[in-house]
């Protein structure tokens, strides 16, 4: 019987995801073989823009239907979404305390073209882990496991359409909070750009 937790792999995951990752860090796998579910954080991240919460989506090649394994989902470059995402970061976080601190290291992820969504997400997660000084060994599923106990199955954990409160909702300073108040569980980059090296203490 499988006794290892399984987590999905998200694009610039929410703060609550990183908290969950830490809590299961000694015994978990990243899901590689699930059928790609649309409209999830696997290819979407939420940031704090001057107009409030903004969703950034990594487009995938048409045909990435429910029957495509996540590891095989290809990124689409039919339009320059990388430039759009980077411009959104700049307009949202240029005035934050630590954007310039991370800018040069994050920028290459928006210049280099990656073929597969899984590889792109994982390299970003590795970068995030390094910046947060998370000592985590990442391993992956080798096939899809159906009979996973509910307390180990986090593959449906966090959904952009649901409004549950996730784990750590304690406020931290956000650039535009005077306009829209604190927004919980945004992408981890929101925490990094606003808190810098103190982000790990928040988690």
N, C-alpha and C. Protein backbone atom coordinates (compact mmCIF):
# COMPACT_ATOMS: atom_id res chain seq x y z
N UNK A 1 0.86 -1.21 0.00
CA UNK A 1 0.00 0.00 0.00
C UNK A 1 0.88 1.25 0.00
N UNK A 2 0.56 2.15 -0.88
CA UNK A 2 1.29 3.40 -0.97
C UNK A 2 1.16 4.19 0.33
N UNK A 3 2.29 4.58 0.93
CA UNK A 3 2.22 5.37 2.17
C UNK A 3 2.99 6.67 2.06
N UNK A 4 3.16 7.13 0.83
CA UNK A 4 3.87 8.38 0.56
C UNK A 4 2.89 9.41 0.03
N UNK A 5 2.97 10.62 0.53
CA UNK A 5 2.10 11.69 0.05
C UNK A 5 2.45 12.04 -1.40
N UNK A 6 1.46 12.43 -2.17
CA UNK A 6 1.67 12.85 -3.55
C UNK A 6 1.13 14.26 -3.73
N UNK A 7 1.99 15.13 -4.22
CA UNK A 7 1.61 16.52 -4.47
C UNK A 7 1.65 16.81 -5.96
N UNK A 8 0.80 17.70 -6.44
CA UNK A 8 0.90 18.16 -7.82
C UNK A 8 2.08 19.12 -7.96
N UNK A 9 2.43 19.44 -9.19
CA UNK A 9 3.50 20.42 -9.44
C UNK A 9 2.86 21.65 -10.06
N UNK A 10 2.99 22.79 -9.38
CA UNK A 10 2.34 24.03 -9.80
C UNK A 10 3.34 25.00 -10.42
N UNK A 11 2.80 25.94 -11.20
CA UNK A 11 3.57 27.05 -11.75
C UNK A 11 3.67 28.16 -10.70
N UNK A 12 4.88 28.52 -10.29
CA UNK A 12 5.07 29.54 -9.25
C UNK A 12 4.00 29.39 -8.17
N UNK A 13 4.06 28.30 -7.41
CA UNK A 13 2.93 27.90 -6.57
C UNK A 13 2.55 28.91 -5.49
N UNK A 14 1.30 28.79 -5.00
CA UNK A 14 0.84 29.67 -3.92
C UNK A 14 1.64 29.46 -2.64
N UNK A 15 1.60 30.45 -1.78
CA UNK A 15 2.31 30.38 -0.50
C UNK A 15 1.89 29.14 0.29
N UNK A 16 0.59 28.85 0.31
CA UNK A 16 0.08 27.70 1.05
C UNK A 16 0.63 26.38 0.55
N UNK A 17 0.93 26.30 -0.74
CA UNK A 17 1.52 25.09 -1.31
C UNK A 17 2.91 24.86 -0.74
N UNK A 18 3.69 25.93 -0.62
CA UNK A 18 5.04 25.80 -0.09
C UNK A 18 4.99 25.39 1.38
N UNK A 19 4.03 25.90 2.13
CA UNK A 19 3.85 25.48 3.51
C UNK A 19 3.54 23.98 3.59
N UNK A 20 2.64 23.51 2.70
CA UNK A 20 2.30 22.09 2.67
C UNK A 20 3.52 21.26 2.27
N UNK A 21 4.27 21.74 1.31
CA UNK A 21 5.48 21.05 0.86
C UNK A 21 6.44 20.84 2.03
N UNK A 22 6.60 21.86 2.85
CA UNK A 22 7.47 21.74 4.01
C UNK A 22 6.95 20.71 5.00
N UNK A 23 5.64 20.64 5.16
CA UNK A 23 5.06 19.75 6.17
C UNK A 23 5.18 18.28 5.79
N UNK A 24 5.31 17.98 4.49
CA UNK A 24 5.42 16.58 4.05
C UNK A 24 6.81 16.30 3.46
N UNK A 25 7.75 17.21 3.68
CA UNK A 25 9.03 17.18 2.95
C UNK A 25 9.85 15.91 3.14
N UNK A 26 9.59 15.17 4.22
CA UNK A 26 10.40 13.97 4.45
C UNK A 26 9.81 12.73 3.78
N UNK A 27 8.61 12.85 3.18
CA UNK A 27 8.00 11.66 2.59
C UNK A 27 6.91 12.05 1.58
N UNK A 28 7.34 12.43 0.38
CA UNK A 28 6.37 12.81 -0.65
C UNK A 28 6.96 12.59 -2.04
N UNK A 29 6.07 12.56 -3.02
CA UNK A 29 6.46 12.49 -4.43
C UNK A 29 5.71 13.59 -5.18
N UNK A 30 6.32 14.11 -6.24
CA UNK A 30 5.62 15.03 -7.14
C UNK A 30 4.96 14.21 -8.25
N UNK A 31 3.70 14.52 -8.51
CA UNK A 31 2.91 13.77 -9.49
C UNK A 31 3.34 14.11 -10.91
N UNK A 32 3.68 13.08 -11.66
CA UNK A 32 4.17 13.26 -13.03
C UNK A 32 3.23 12.64 -14.07
N UNK A 33 2.38 11.72 -13.64
CA UNK A 33 1.61 10.92 -14.59
C UNK A 33 0.11 11.19 -14.56
N UNK A 34 -0.34 12.13 -13.75
CA UNK A 34 -1.77 12.45 -13.77
C UNK A 34 -2.16 13.02 -15.12
N UNK A 35 -3.43 12.83 -15.50
CA UNK A 35 -3.95 13.48 -16.70
C UNK A 35 -4.05 14.97 -16.42
N UNK A 36 -3.58 15.77 -17.34
CA UNK A 36 -3.50 17.22 -17.13
C UNK A 36 -4.88 17.82 -16.88
N UNK A 37 -5.12 18.35 -15.65
CA UNK A 37 -6.40 19.00 -15.38
C UNK A 37 -6.32 20.49 -15.71
N UNK A 38 -7.25 20.96 -16.49
CA UNK A 38 -7.24 22.36 -16.90
C UNK A 38 -7.73 23.27 -15.78
N UNK A 39 -7.40 24.55 -15.94
CA UNK A 39 -7.84 25.61 -15.02
C UNK A 39 -7.45 25.30 -13.58
N UNK A 40 -6.18 24.95 -13.41
CA UNK A 40 -5.63 24.73 -12.07
C UNK A 40 -4.32 25.49 -11.95
N UNK A 41 -3.71 25.43 -10.78
CA UNK A 41 -2.44 26.11 -10.56
C UNK A 41 -1.27 25.42 -11.28
N UNK A 42 -1.53 24.31 -11.97
CA UNK A 42 -0.45 23.65 -12.70
C UNK A 42 0.11 24.55 -13.80
N UNK A 43 -0.74 25.41 -14.35
CA UNK A 43 -0.25 26.36 -15.35
C UNK A 43 -0.79 27.78 -15.09
N UNK A 44 -1.06 28.06 -13.82
CA UNK A 44 -1.59 29.38 -13.48
C UNK A 44 -1.03 29.84 -12.13
N UNK A 45 -0.70 31.12 -12.04
CA UNK A 45 -0.24 31.70 -10.79
C UNK A 45 -0.98 33.02 -10.57
N UNK A 46 -1.20 33.37 -9.30
CA UNK A 46 -1.90 34.61 -8.97
C UNK A 46 -0.93 35.57 -8.30
N UNK A 47 -0.90 36.81 -8.79
CA UNK A 47 -0.04 37.84 -8.21
C UNK A 47 -0.89 39.05 -7.82
N UNK A 48 -0.25 40.03 -7.17
CA UNK A 48 -0.95 41.23 -6.71
C UNK A 48 -0.58 42.38 -7.64
N UNK A 49 -1.49 42.72 -8.55
CA UNK A 49 -1.24 43.79 -9.51
C UNK A 49 -1.79 45.11 -8.97
N UNK A 50 -1.50 46.23 -9.63
CA UNK A 50 -2.06 47.52 -9.19
C UNK A 50 -3.59 47.52 -9.15
N UNK A 51 -4.22 46.60 -9.91
CA UNK A 51 -5.68 46.52 -9.95
C UNK A 51 -6.23 45.39 -9.10
N UNK A 52 -5.39 44.77 -8.29
CA UNK A 52 -5.84 43.67 -7.45
C UNK A 52 -5.26 42.35 -7.93
N UNK A 53 -5.92 41.28 -7.59
CA UNK A 53 -5.43 39.94 -7.93
C UNK A 53 -5.42 39.74 -9.43
N UNK A 54 -4.30 39.21 -9.93
CA UNK A 54 -4.14 38.98 -11.37
C UNK A 54 -3.66 37.56 -11.59
N UNK A 55 -4.37 36.81 -12.45
CA UNK A 55 -3.96 35.45 -12.80
C UNK A 55 -3.09 35.46 -14.04
N UNK A 56 -1.95 34.78 -13.96
CA UNK A 56 -1.04 34.61 -15.09
C UNK A 56 -1.08 33.14 -15.50
N UNK A 57 -1.35 32.90 -16.79
CA UNK A 57 -1.50 31.52 -17.27
C UNK A 57 -0.42 31.18 -18.29
N UNK A 58 0.17 30.01 -18.12
CA UNK A 58 1.10 29.48 -19.11
C UNK A 58 0.26 28.69 -20.12
N UNK A 59 0.18 29.14 -21.38
CA UNK A 59 -0.66 28.43 -22.34
C UNK A 59 -0.02 27.10 -22.74
N UNK A 60 -0.86 26.12 -22.97
CA UNK A 60 -0.35 24.81 -23.40
C UNK A 60 -0.83 24.51 -24.81
N UNK A 61 -0.10 23.64 -25.47
CA UNK A 61 -0.40 23.29 -26.86
C UNK A 61 -1.79 22.66 -26.94
N UNK A 62 -2.58 23.08 -27.90
CA UNK A 62 -3.92 22.53 -28.08
C UNK A 62 -3.82 21.02 -28.27
N UNK A 63 -4.77 20.32 -27.67
CA UNK A 63 -4.71 18.87 -27.71
C UNK A 63 -4.27 18.31 -26.37
N UNK A 64 -3.86 19.22 -25.45
CA UNK A 64 -3.51 18.78 -24.10
C UNK A 64 -4.80 18.58 -23.31
N UNK A 65 -5.52 17.56 -23.72
CA UNK A 65 -6.82 17.28 -23.11
C UNK A 65 -6.63 16.50 -21.81
N UNK A 66 -7.73 16.08 -21.25
CA UNK A 66 -7.69 15.37 -19.98
C UNK A 66 -6.86 14.10 -20.05
N UNK A 67 -6.62 13.56 -21.24
CA UNK A 67 -5.93 12.28 -21.34
C UNK A 67 -4.43 12.42 -21.56
N UNK A 68 -3.92 13.63 -21.51
CA UNK A 68 -2.47 13.83 -21.65
C UNK A 68 -1.82 13.83 -20.27
N UNK A 69 -0.82 12.97 -20.09
CA UNK A 69 -0.09 12.95 -18.81
C UNK A 69 0.62 14.28 -18.63
N UNK A 70 0.66 14.75 -17.40
CA UNK A 70 1.25 16.06 -17.13
C UNK A 70 2.67 16.18 -17.68
N UNK A 71 3.45 15.12 -17.56
CA UNK A 71 4.84 15.15 -18.01
C UNK A 71 4.95 15.39 -19.52
N UNK A 72 3.86 15.14 -20.26
CA UNK A 72 3.88 15.27 -21.72
C UNK A 72 3.22 16.54 -22.24
N UNK A 73 2.71 17.35 -21.34
CA UNK A 73 2.02 18.58 -21.75
C UNK A 73 3.06 19.60 -22.23
N UNK A 74 2.88 20.08 -23.45
CA UNK A 74 3.83 21.03 -24.03
C UNK A 74 3.33 22.47 -23.88
N UNK A 75 4.27 23.37 -23.71
CA UNK A 75 3.96 24.79 -23.60
C UNK A 75 3.77 25.37 -24.99
N UNK A 76 2.77 26.24 -25.13
CA UNK A 76 2.52 26.91 -26.40
C UNK A 76 3.20 28.28 -26.43
N UNK A 77 3.75 28.61 -27.57
CA UNK A 77 4.36 29.94 -27.76
C UNK A 77 3.69 30.68 -28.92
N UNK A 78 2.39 30.42 -29.10
CA UNK A 78 1.64 31.09 -30.16
C UNK A 78 1.60 32.61 -29.94
N UNK A 79 1.70 33.03 -28.69
CA UNK A 79 1.88 34.46 -28.40
C UNK A 79 2.95 34.57 -27.32
N UNK A 80 3.49 35.75 -27.13
CA UNK A 80 4.63 35.93 -26.23
C UNK A 80 4.17 36.10 -24.78
N UNK A 81 3.70 35.00 -24.21
CA UNK A 81 3.21 35.04 -22.83
C UNK A 81 4.34 35.31 -21.84
N UNK A 82 5.57 34.90 -22.18
CA UNK A 82 6.69 35.13 -21.27
C UNK A 82 6.91 36.63 -21.06
N UNK A 83 6.83 37.38 -22.14
CA UNK A 83 6.99 38.84 -22.04
C UNK A 83 5.84 39.44 -21.23
N UNK A 84 4.64 38.93 -21.45
CA UNK A 84 3.47 39.41 -20.71
C UNK A 84 3.62 39.15 -19.21
N UNK A 85 4.07 37.95 -18.85
CA UNK A 85 4.24 37.63 -17.44
C UNK A 85 5.32 38.52 -16.82
N UNK A 86 6.42 38.70 -17.55
CA UNK A 86 7.51 39.51 -17.00
C UNK A 86 7.09 40.96 -16.83
N UNK A 87 6.37 41.49 -17.80
CA UNK A 87 5.87 42.87 -17.69
C UNK A 87 4.90 43.00 -16.52
N UNK A 88 4.13 41.94 -16.27
CA UNK A 88 3.20 41.95 -15.12
C UNK A 88 3.97 41.97 -13.81
N UNK A 89 5.06 41.19 -13.75
CA UNK A 89 5.90 41.23 -12.55
C UNK A 89 6.46 42.63 -12.33
N UNK A 90 6.93 43.23 -13.40
CA UNK A 90 7.54 44.56 -13.28
C UNK A 90 6.52 45.60 -12.82
N UNK A 91 5.33 45.60 -13.43
CA UNK A 91 4.33 46.61 -13.06
C UNK A 91 3.79 46.37 -11.65
N UNK A 92 3.82 45.10 -11.21
CA UNK A 92 3.29 44.76 -9.90
C UNK A 92 4.31 44.91 -8.78
N UNK A 93 5.58 44.62 -9.08
CA UNK A 93 6.56 44.50 -8.00
C UNK A 93 7.81 45.37 -8.14
N UNK A 94 7.88 46.18 -9.17
CA UNK A 94 9.06 47.03 -9.34
C UNK A 94 9.32 47.88 -8.10
N UNK A 95 8.27 48.30 -7.43
CA UNK A 95 8.44 49.15 -6.25
C UNK A 95 8.53 48.35 -4.94
N UNK A 96 8.48 47.03 -5.05
CA UNK A 96 8.60 46.21 -3.83
C UNK A 96 10.04 46.21 -3.34
N UNK A 97 10.22 45.80 -2.10
CA UNK A 97 11.54 45.90 -1.47
C UNK A 97 12.58 44.99 -2.10
N UNK A 98 12.15 43.84 -2.68
CA UNK A 98 13.15 42.84 -3.08
C UNK A 98 13.06 42.40 -4.53
N UNK A 99 12.26 43.08 -5.37
CA UNK A 99 12.18 42.66 -6.77
C UNK A 99 13.56 42.68 -7.43
N UNK A 100 14.29 43.74 -7.22
CA UNK A 100 15.62 43.85 -7.85
C UNK A 100 16.59 42.81 -7.30
N UNK A 101 16.35 42.36 -6.09
CA UNK A 101 17.19 41.36 -5.44
C UNK A 101 17.12 40.02 -6.19
N UNK A 102 15.93 39.70 -6.74
CA UNK A 102 15.72 38.42 -7.42
C UNK A 102 15.65 38.53 -8.94
N UNK A 103 15.53 39.74 -9.43
CA UNK A 103 15.22 39.98 -10.85
C UNK A 103 16.17 39.26 -11.81
N UNK A 104 17.47 39.40 -11.61
CA UNK A 104 18.44 38.85 -12.56
C UNK A 104 18.40 37.32 -12.61
N UNK A 105 18.05 36.69 -11.50
CA UNK A 105 18.00 35.23 -11.49
C UNK A 105 16.68 34.69 -12.06
N UNK A 106 15.62 35.45 -11.88
CA UNK A 106 14.31 34.99 -12.36
C UNK A 106 14.13 35.27 -13.85
N UNK A 107 14.73 36.34 -14.35
CA UNK A 107 14.53 36.75 -15.74
C UNK A 107 14.82 35.65 -16.77
N UNK A 108 15.87 34.82 -16.61
CA UNK A 108 16.13 33.79 -17.62
C UNK A 108 14.98 32.81 -17.84
N UNK A 109 14.14 32.61 -16.82
CA UNK A 109 12.98 31.73 -16.99
C UNK A 109 11.96 32.32 -17.97
N UNK A 110 12.12 33.61 -18.26
CA UNK A 110 11.18 34.29 -19.16
C UNK A 110 11.85 34.70 -20.47
N UNK A 111 13.04 34.18 -20.67
CA UNK A 111 13.74 34.36 -21.95
C UNK A 111 13.96 33.03 -22.66
N UNK A 112 14.24 32.01 -21.87
CA UNK A 112 14.47 30.67 -22.42
C UNK A 112 13.13 29.99 -22.71
N UNK A 113 13.06 29.28 -23.84
CA UNK A 113 11.84 28.55 -24.18
C UNK A 113 11.97 27.10 -23.69
N UNK A 114 11.02 26.67 -22.91
CA UNK A 114 10.95 25.30 -22.42
C UNK A 114 9.91 24.54 -23.24
N UNK A 115 10.18 23.28 -23.53
CA UNK A 115 9.21 22.47 -24.28
C UNK A 115 8.05 22.02 -23.41
N UNK A 116 8.37 21.51 -22.22
CA UNK A 116 7.35 20.86 -21.40
C UNK A 116 7.03 21.66 -20.14
N UNK A 117 5.74 21.73 -19.83
CA UNK A 117 5.27 22.46 -18.65
C UNK A 117 5.88 21.88 -17.37
N UNK A 118 5.95 20.56 -17.27
CA UNK A 118 6.47 19.93 -16.06
C UNK A 118 7.92 20.36 -15.80
N UNK A 119 8.74 20.34 -16.84
CA UNK A 119 10.15 20.72 -16.68
C UNK A 119 10.28 22.18 -16.27
N UNK A 120 9.46 23.03 -16.88
CA UNK A 120 9.49 24.46 -16.57
C UNK A 120 9.10 24.70 -15.11
N UNK A 121 7.98 24.09 -14.70
CA UNK A 121 7.52 24.25 -13.32
C UNK A 121 8.54 23.73 -12.32
N UNK A 122 9.16 22.61 -12.66
CA UNK A 122 10.10 22.02 -11.71
C UNK A 122 11.37 22.87 -11.56
N UNK A 123 11.87 23.41 -12.66
CA UNK A 123 13.05 24.27 -12.55
C UNK A 123 12.74 25.53 -11.75
N UNK A 124 11.54 26.06 -11.91
CA UNK A 124 11.12 27.20 -11.10
C UNK A 124 11.02 26.82 -9.62
N UNK A 125 10.47 25.63 -9.35
CA UNK A 125 10.35 25.18 -7.96
C UNK A 125 11.73 24.99 -7.33
N UNK A 126 12.66 24.46 -8.09
CA UNK A 126 14.02 24.31 -7.57
C UNK A 126 14.64 25.67 -7.24
N UNK A 127 14.40 26.65 -8.11
CA UNK A 127 14.91 28.01 -7.87
C UNK A 127 14.28 28.59 -6.60
N UNK A 128 12.96 28.44 -6.48
CA UNK A 128 12.25 28.94 -5.30
C UNK A 128 12.79 28.27 -4.03
N UNK A 129 12.99 26.97 -4.10
CA UNK A 129 13.51 26.22 -2.94
C UNK A 129 14.87 26.75 -2.52
N UNK A 130 15.69 27.05 -3.52
CA UNK A 130 17.03 27.58 -3.23
C UNK A 130 16.93 28.95 -2.56
N UNK A 131 16.06 29.80 -3.07
CA UNK A 131 15.92 31.14 -2.49
C UNK A 131 15.36 31.10 -1.07
N UNK A 132 14.51 30.11 -0.80
CA UNK A 132 13.92 29.97 0.54
C UNK A 132 14.77 29.10 1.46
N UNK A 133 15.88 28.58 0.90
CA UNK A 133 16.76 27.68 1.67
C UNK A 133 15.98 26.49 2.22
N UNK A 134 15.15 25.90 1.35
CA UNK A 134 14.41 24.69 1.73
C UNK A 134 15.27 23.48 1.41
N UNK A 135 15.54 22.68 2.38
CA UNK A 135 16.37 21.49 2.18
C UNK A 135 15.46 20.30 1.87
N UNK A 136 15.04 20.22 0.61
CA UNK A 136 14.07 19.20 0.20
C UNK A 136 14.63 18.40 -0.97
N UNK A 137 14.54 17.07 -0.86
CA UNK A 137 14.89 16.19 -1.98
C UNK A 137 13.62 15.89 -2.77
N UNK A 138 13.66 16.18 -4.06
CA UNK A 138 12.47 15.97 -4.89
C UNK A 138 12.56 14.64 -5.63
N UNK A 139 11.48 13.87 -5.51
CA UNK A 139 11.34 12.62 -6.25
C UNK A 139 9.97 12.61 -6.90
N UNK A 140 9.80 11.76 -7.90
CA UNK A 140 8.60 11.80 -8.74
C UNK A 140 7.90 10.44 -8.77
N UNK A 141 6.61 10.49 -9.06
CA UNK A 141 5.88 9.24 -9.27
C UNK A 141 6.41 8.56 -10.54
N UNK A 142 6.29 7.25 -10.59
CA UNK A 142 6.74 6.49 -11.77
C UNK A 142 5.56 5.96 -12.58
N UNK A 143 4.37 6.10 -12.04
CA UNK A 143 3.13 5.80 -12.77
C UNK A 143 1.99 6.46 -11.99
N UNK A 144 0.76 6.28 -12.46
CA UNK A 144 -0.37 6.91 -11.77
C UNK A 144 -0.93 5.94 -10.74
N UNK A 145 -1.09 6.41 -9.51
CA UNK A 145 -1.59 5.57 -8.42
C UNK A 145 -3.04 5.95 -8.12
N UNK A 146 -3.94 4.97 -8.27
CA UNK A 146 -5.37 5.21 -8.04
C UNK A 146 -5.73 5.12 -6.57
N UNK A 147 -5.30 4.04 -5.92
CA UNK A 147 -5.79 3.73 -4.57
C UNK A 147 -4.93 4.40 -3.50
N UNK A 148 -4.93 5.71 -3.54
CA UNK A 148 -4.14 6.48 -2.59
C UNK A 148 -5.04 6.97 -1.46
N UNK A 149 -4.59 6.77 -0.22
CA UNK A 149 -5.39 7.22 0.93
C UNK A 149 -5.62 8.73 0.85
N UNK A 150 -6.81 9.15 1.27
CA UNK A 150 -7.18 10.56 1.12
C UNK A 150 -6.24 11.50 1.88
N UNK A 151 -5.67 11.01 3.00
CA UNK A 151 -4.79 11.89 3.76
C UNK A 151 -3.39 11.99 3.16
N UNK A 152 -3.16 11.27 2.06
CA UNK A 152 -1.87 11.34 1.35
C UNK A 152 -2.02 11.95 -0.05
N UNK A 153 -3.26 12.08 -0.50
CA UNK A 153 -3.51 12.51 -1.87
C UNK A 153 -3.80 14.01 -1.93
N UNK A 154 -2.80 14.76 -2.37
CA UNK A 154 -2.94 16.22 -2.47
C UNK A 154 -3.06 16.68 -3.92
N UNK A 155 -3.40 15.75 -4.81
CA UNK A 155 -3.44 16.10 -6.23
C UNK A 155 -4.57 17.08 -6.56
N UNK A 156 -5.59 17.09 -5.73
CA UNK A 156 -6.67 18.08 -5.92
C UNK A 156 -6.58 19.22 -4.91
N UNK A 157 -5.41 19.34 -4.32
CA UNK A 157 -5.13 20.35 -3.31
C UNK A 157 -5.01 21.72 -3.96
N UNK A 158 -5.81 22.65 -3.53
CA UNK A 158 -5.81 24.04 -4.02
C UNK A 158 -6.34 24.15 -5.45
N UNK A 159 -7.34 24.98 -5.57
CA UNK A 159 -7.96 25.20 -6.87
C UNK A 159 -8.27 26.70 -7.00
N UNK A 160 -7.88 27.30 -8.13
CA UNK A 160 -8.12 28.75 -8.29
C UNK A 160 -9.59 29.15 -8.18
N UNK A 161 -10.50 28.19 -8.45
CA UNK A 161 -11.93 28.52 -8.45
C UNK A 161 -12.54 28.47 -7.05
N UNK A 162 -11.83 27.85 -6.12
CA UNK A 162 -12.36 27.73 -4.77
C UNK A 162 -11.76 28.80 -3.88
N UNK A 163 -12.50 29.17 -2.86
CA UNK A 163 -12.06 30.31 -2.04
C UNK A 163 -11.69 29.89 -0.62
N UNK A 164 -11.33 28.61 -0.45
CA UNK A 164 -10.96 28.17 0.90
C UNK A 164 -9.78 28.98 1.41
N UNK A 165 -9.70 29.09 2.71
CA UNK A 165 -8.54 29.71 3.34
C UNK A 165 -7.47 28.63 3.47
N UNK A 166 -6.29 28.92 2.97
CA UNK A 166 -5.25 27.92 2.96
C UNK A 166 -4.19 28.20 4.02
N UNK A 167 -4.09 27.34 4.98
CA UNK A 167 -2.95 27.28 5.89
C UNK A 167 -2.59 28.63 6.49
N UNK A 168 -1.61 29.30 5.93
CA UNK A 168 -1.08 30.50 6.57
C UNK A 168 -1.67 31.77 5.95
N UNK A 169 -2.65 32.36 6.62
CA UNK A 169 -3.25 33.60 6.13
C UNK A 169 -2.78 34.83 6.90
N UNK A 170 -1.74 34.65 7.68
CA UNK A 170 -1.21 35.78 8.45
C UNK A 170 -0.71 36.86 7.50
N UNK A 171 -1.17 38.11 7.65
CA UNK A 171 -0.77 39.16 6.71
C UNK A 171 0.72 39.48 6.75
N UNK A 172 1.24 39.83 5.61
CA UNK A 172 2.58 40.43 5.49
C UNK A 172 2.41 41.64 4.58
N UNK A 173 3.37 42.53 4.55
CA UNK A 173 3.23 43.74 3.75
C UNK A 173 3.17 43.41 2.26
N UNK A 174 2.19 43.97 1.54
CA UNK A 174 2.08 43.85 0.09
C UNK A 174 2.00 45.26 -0.50
N UNK A 175 2.61 45.43 -1.66
CA UNK A 175 2.78 46.77 -2.25
C UNK A 175 1.47 47.54 -2.36
N UNK A 176 0.40 46.88 -2.80
CA UNK A 176 -0.85 47.61 -3.06
C UNK A 176 -1.92 47.34 -2.01
N UNK A 177 -1.53 46.92 -0.82
CA UNK A 177 -2.54 46.57 0.18
C UNK A 177 -3.35 47.78 0.64
N UNK A 178 -2.81 48.99 0.47
CA UNK A 178 -3.58 50.18 0.84
C UNK A 178 -4.77 50.37 -0.09
N UNK A 179 -4.69 49.77 -1.29
CA UNK A 179 -5.80 49.86 -2.25
C UNK A 179 -6.79 48.70 -2.09
N UNK A 180 -6.26 47.51 -1.93
CA UNK A 180 -7.12 46.32 -1.99
C UNK A 180 -7.03 45.44 -0.76
N UNK A 181 -6.32 45.89 0.27
CA UNK A 181 -6.11 45.11 1.49
C UNK A 181 -5.26 43.87 1.21
N UNK A 182 -4.98 43.11 2.27
CA UNK A 182 -4.14 41.92 2.14
C UNK A 182 -4.85 40.83 1.33
N UNK A 183 -4.13 40.23 0.39
CA UNK A 183 -4.67 39.10 -0.37
C UNK A 183 -3.85 37.86 -0.01
N UNK A 184 -4.52 36.87 0.56
CA UNK A 184 -3.82 35.67 1.04
C UNK A 184 -3.55 34.68 -0.08
N UNK A 185 -2.52 33.87 0.12
CA UNK A 185 -2.22 32.71 -0.72
C UNK A 185 -1.97 33.04 -2.19
N UNK A 186 -1.30 34.17 -2.42
CA UNK A 186 -0.85 34.46 -3.78
C UNK A 186 0.38 33.61 -4.09
N UNK A 187 0.91 33.75 -5.30
CA UNK A 187 2.12 33.03 -5.68
C UNK A 187 3.24 33.33 -4.69
N UNK A 188 4.09 32.35 -4.50
CA UNK A 188 5.24 32.50 -3.61
C UNK A 188 6.11 33.70 -4.01
N UNK A 189 6.08 34.09 -5.29
CA UNK A 189 6.91 35.24 -5.69
C UNK A 189 6.42 36.53 -5.04
N UNK A 190 5.12 36.60 -4.71
CA UNK A 190 4.60 37.78 -4.00
C UNK A 190 5.28 37.90 -2.64
N UNK A 191 5.40 36.78 -1.95
CA UNK A 191 6.07 36.76 -0.64
C UNK A 191 7.55 37.08 -0.80
N UNK A 192 8.20 36.51 -1.79
CA UNK A 192 9.63 36.76 -2.00
C UNK A 192 9.91 38.22 -2.33
N UNK A 193 9.14 38.78 -3.25
CA UNK A 193 9.39 40.16 -3.68
C UNK A 193 9.13 41.15 -2.54
N UNK A 194 8.19 40.82 -1.66
CA UNK A 194 7.85 41.73 -0.57
C UNK A 194 8.67 41.50 0.70
N UNK A 195 9.07 40.25 0.95
CA UNK A 195 9.74 39.92 2.20
C UNK A 195 11.20 39.50 2.03
N UNK A 196 11.60 39.14 0.82
CA UNK A 196 12.98 38.77 0.58
C UNK A 196 13.42 37.60 1.45
N UNK A 197 14.63 37.65 2.00
CA UNK A 197 15.16 36.55 2.81
C UNK A 197 14.32 36.25 4.07
N UNK A 198 13.44 37.19 4.45
CA UNK A 198 12.58 36.95 5.61
C UNK A 198 11.39 36.03 5.26
N UNK A 199 11.23 35.72 3.99
CA UNK A 199 10.09 34.91 3.56
C UNK A 199 10.06 33.57 4.26
N UNK A 200 11.22 32.98 4.47
CA UNK A 200 11.24 31.65 5.13
C UNK A 200 10.71 31.73 6.55
N UNK A 201 10.99 32.82 7.24
CA UNK A 201 10.46 32.98 8.60
C UNK A 201 8.94 33.06 8.59
N UNK A 202 8.38 33.70 7.56
CA UNK A 202 6.92 33.77 7.44
C UNK A 202 6.34 32.38 7.28
N UNK A 203 6.98 31.57 6.43
CA UNK A 203 6.48 30.21 6.20
C UNK A 203 6.57 29.38 7.48
